[in-house]
Amino acid sequence: MRVLEARFRPDLGSPFLIVGHLVWPGPPDREPAFVQPAPSAPDSATQRTFLSKLDYLVSSTAPDCFERLQHLPSRFWSFVEVAPSILRKGA
């Protein structure tokens, strides 16, 4: 299992918000990811907006989104590989 943490930073000086986790149950080059929203996500309307953008970023970086998202040239979004155990801690 591989996991990327999706982070959003609205301003350069502000802390990032964890939007969710992209989870590949098997090899990233053979299986698509599913999105697990962060338990600390903001209200539902804002969360839907973030998750919609996250879905767009995943689809626009396919087919190699696991690698491409980690190198995405974005001032607002970053994707960091984390240990799968983080999913159990956040649940």
C-alpha atoms as a PDB file:
ATOM      1  CA  MET A   1       0.000   0.000   0.000  1.00  0.00           C
ATOM      2  CA  ARG A   2       1.228   3.493  -0.888  1.00  0.00           C
ATOM      3  CA  VAL A   3      -0.189   6.737   0.480  1.00  0.00           C
ATOM      4  CA  LEU A   4       0.203  10.367  -0.549  1.00  0.00           C
ATOM      5  CA  GLU A   5      -0.950  13.088   1.818  1.00  0.00           C
ATOM      6  CA  ALA A   6      -2.637  15.938  -0.074  1.00  0.00           C
ATOM      7  CA  ARG A   7      -1.833  19.309   1.481  1.00  0.00           C
ATOM      8  CA  PHE A   8      -3.177  22.755   0.645  1.00  0.00           C
ATOM      9  CA  ARG A   9      -1.502  26.006   1.690  1.00  0.00           C
ATOM     10  CA  PRO A  10      -3.566  29.143   0.950  1.00  0.00           C
ATOM     11  CA  ASP A  11      -0.707  31.588   1.618  1.00  0.00           C
ATOM     12  CA  LEU A  12       3.055  31.129   1.646  1.00  0.00           C
ATOM     13  CA  GLY A  13       3.333  32.084   5.315  1.00  0.00           C
ATOM     14  CA  SER A  14       0.403  30.026   6.566  1.00  0.00           C
ATOM     15  CA  PRO A  15       0.403  26.416   7.750  1.00  0.00           C
ATOM     16  CA  PHE A  16      -0.879  23.769   5.369  1.00  0.00           C
ATOM     17  CA  LEU A  17      -4.226  22.040   5.643  1.00  0.00           C
ATOM     18  CA  ILE A  18      -4.351  18.271   5.160  1.00  0.00           C
ATOM     19  CA  VAL A  19      -7.144  17.766   2.643  1.00  0.00           C
ATOM     20  CA  GLY A  20      -6.976  13.983   2.516  1.00  0.00           C
ATOM     21  CA  HIS A  21      -4.966  10.962   1.537  1.00  0.00           C
ATOM     22  CA  LEU A  22      -4.616   9.274  -1.823  1.00  0.00           C
ATOM     23  CA  VAL A  23      -4.380   5.555  -1.212  1.00  0.00           C
ATOM     24  CA  TRP A  24      -3.123   2.906  -3.621  1.00  0.00           C
ATOM     25  CA  PRO A  25      -3.969  -0.542  -2.215  1.00  0.00           C
ATOM     26  CA  GLY A  26      -1.615  -2.138  -4.735  1.00  0.00           C
ATOM     27  CA  PRO A  27       1.145  -0.939  -7.064  1.00  0.00           C
ATOM     28  CA  PRO A  28       0.462   2.679  -8.167  1.00  0.00           C
ATOM     29  CA  ASP A  29       1.270   1.832 -11.770  1.00  0.00           C
ATOM     30  CA  ARG A  30      -1.424  -0.882 -11.859  1.00  0.00           C
ATOM     31  CA  GLU A  31      -4.268   0.369  -9.672  1.00  0.00           C
ATOM     32  CA  PRO A  32      -5.998   3.734  -9.354  1.00  0.00           C
ATOM     33  CA  ALA A  33      -5.954   5.599  -6.075  1.00  0.00           C
ATOM     34  CA  PHE A  34      -8.939   6.238  -3.890  1.00  0.00           C
ATOM     35  CA  VAL A  35      -9.328   9.415  -1.868  1.00  0.00           C
ATOM     36  CA  GLN A  36      -9.773   9.275   1.877  1.00  0.00           C
ATOM     37  CA  PRO A  37     -10.833  12.708   3.172  1.00  0.00           C
ATOM     38  CA  ALA A  38      -8.968  13.976   6.220  1.00  0.00           C
ATOM     39  CA  PRO A  39     -10.887  13.604   9.483  1.00  0.00           C
ATOM     40  CA  SER A  40     -10.008  17.209  10.334  1.00  0.00           C
ATOM     41  CA  ALA A  41     -11.482  18.527   7.070  1.00  0.00           C
ATOM     42  CA  PRO A  42     -13.385  21.829   7.143  1.00  0.00           C
ATOM     43  CA  ASP A  43     -17.146  22.184   6.708  1.00  0.00           C
ATOM     44  CA  SER A  44     -18.864  20.082   4.070  1.00  0.00           C
ATOM     45  CA  ALA A  45     -19.135  22.723   1.309  1.00  0.00           C
ATOM     46  CA  THR A  46     -15.450  23.599   1.580  1.00  0.00           C
ATOM     47  CA  GLN A  47     -14.524  19.940   1.822  1.00  0.00           C
ATOM     48  CA  ARG A  48     -16.457  19.151  -1.375  1.00  0.00           C
ATOM     49  CA  THR A  49     -14.588  21.932  -3.176  1.00  0.00           C
ATOM     50  CA  PHE A  50     -11.204  20.649  -2.017  1.00  0.00           C
ATOM     51  CA  LEU A  51     -12.060  17.043  -2.893  1.00  0.00           C
ATOM     52  CA  SER A  52     -13.310  18.092  -6.329  1.00  0.00           C
ATOM     53  CA  LYS A  53     -10.020  19.877  -7.016  1.00  0.00           C
ATOM     54  CA  LEU A  54      -8.114  16.876  -5.680  1.00  0.00           C
ATOM     55  CA  ASP A  55     -10.013  14.569  -8.067  1.00  0.00           C
ATOM     56  CA  TYR A  56      -9.127  16.928 -10.914  1.00  0.00           C
ATOM     57  CA  LEU A  57      -5.428  16.929  -9.999  1.00  0.00           C
ATOM     58  CA  VAL A  58      -5.371  13.130  -9.823  1.00  0.00           C
ATOM     59  CA  SER A  59      -7.086  12.725 -13.198  1.00  0.00           C
ATOM     60  CA  SER A  60      -4.959  15.378 -14.891  1.00  0.00           C
ATOM     61  CA  THR A  61      -1.709  13.721 -13.789  1.00  0.00           C
ATOM     62  CA  ALA A  62      -2.758  10.192 -14.811  1.00  0.00           C
ATOM     63  CA  PRO A  63      -1.497   7.662 -15.686  1.00  0.00           C
ATOM     64  CA  ASP A  64       1.554   8.142 -13.428  1.00  0.00           C
ATOM     65  CA  CYS A  65      -0.125  10.337 -10.831  1.00  0.00           C
ATOM     66  CA  PHE A  66       1.748   8.856  -7.853  1.00  0.00           C
ATOM     67  CA  GLU A  67       5.071  10.232  -9.141  1.00  0.00           C
ATOM     68  CA  ARG A  68       3.727  13.271 -10.959  1.00  0.00           C
ATOM     69  CA  LEU A  69       1.761  14.636  -7.994  1.00  0.00           C
ATOM     70  CA  GLN A  70       4.889  14.602  -5.833  1.00  0.00           C
ATOM     71  CA  HIS A  71       6.562  16.915  -8.364  1.00  0.00           C
ATOM     72  CA  LEU A  72       3.531  19.097  -9.116  1.00  0.00           C
ATOM     73  CA  PRO A  73       4.638  22.707  -9.652  1.00  0.00           C
ATOM     74  CA  SER A  74       1.994  24.345  -7.470  1.00  0.00           C
ATOM     75  CA  ARG A  75       2.219  27.141  -4.959  1.00  0.00           C
ATOM     76  CA  PHE A  76      -0.889  25.866  -3.183  1.00  0.00           C
ATOM     77  CA  TRP A  77      -0.817  22.068  -3.372  1.00  0.00           C
ATOM     78  CA  SER A  78       1.784  19.545  -2.276  1.00  0.00           C
ATOM     79  CA  PHE A  79       1.739  15.759  -2.089  1.00  0.00           C
ATOM     80  CA  VAL A  80       3.964  13.905   0.332  1.00  0.00           C
ATOM     81  CA  GLU A  81       4.352  10.155   0.679  1.00  0.00           C
ATOM     82  CA  VAL A  82       3.473   9.030   4.199  1.00  0.00           C
ATOM     83  CA  ALA A  83       3.426   5.685   5.970  1.00  0.00           C
ATOM     84  CA  PRO A  84       0.157   3.738   5.573  1.00  0.00           C
ATOM     85  CA  SER A  85      -0.089   3.599   9.375  1.00  0.00           C
ATOM     86  CA  ILE A  86      -1.092   7.288   9.342  1.00  0.00           C
ATOM     87  CA  LEU A  87      -4.505   6.200   8.065  1.00  0.00           C
ATOM     88  CA  ARG A  88      -5.206   4.227  11.224  1.00  0.00           C
ATOM     89  CA  LYS A  89      -4.059   7.103  13.465  1.00  0.00           C
ATOM     90  CA  GLY A  90      -6.400   9.564  11.743  1.00  0.00           C
ATOM     91  CA  ALA A  91      -9.411   7.244  11.934  1.00  0.00           C
END
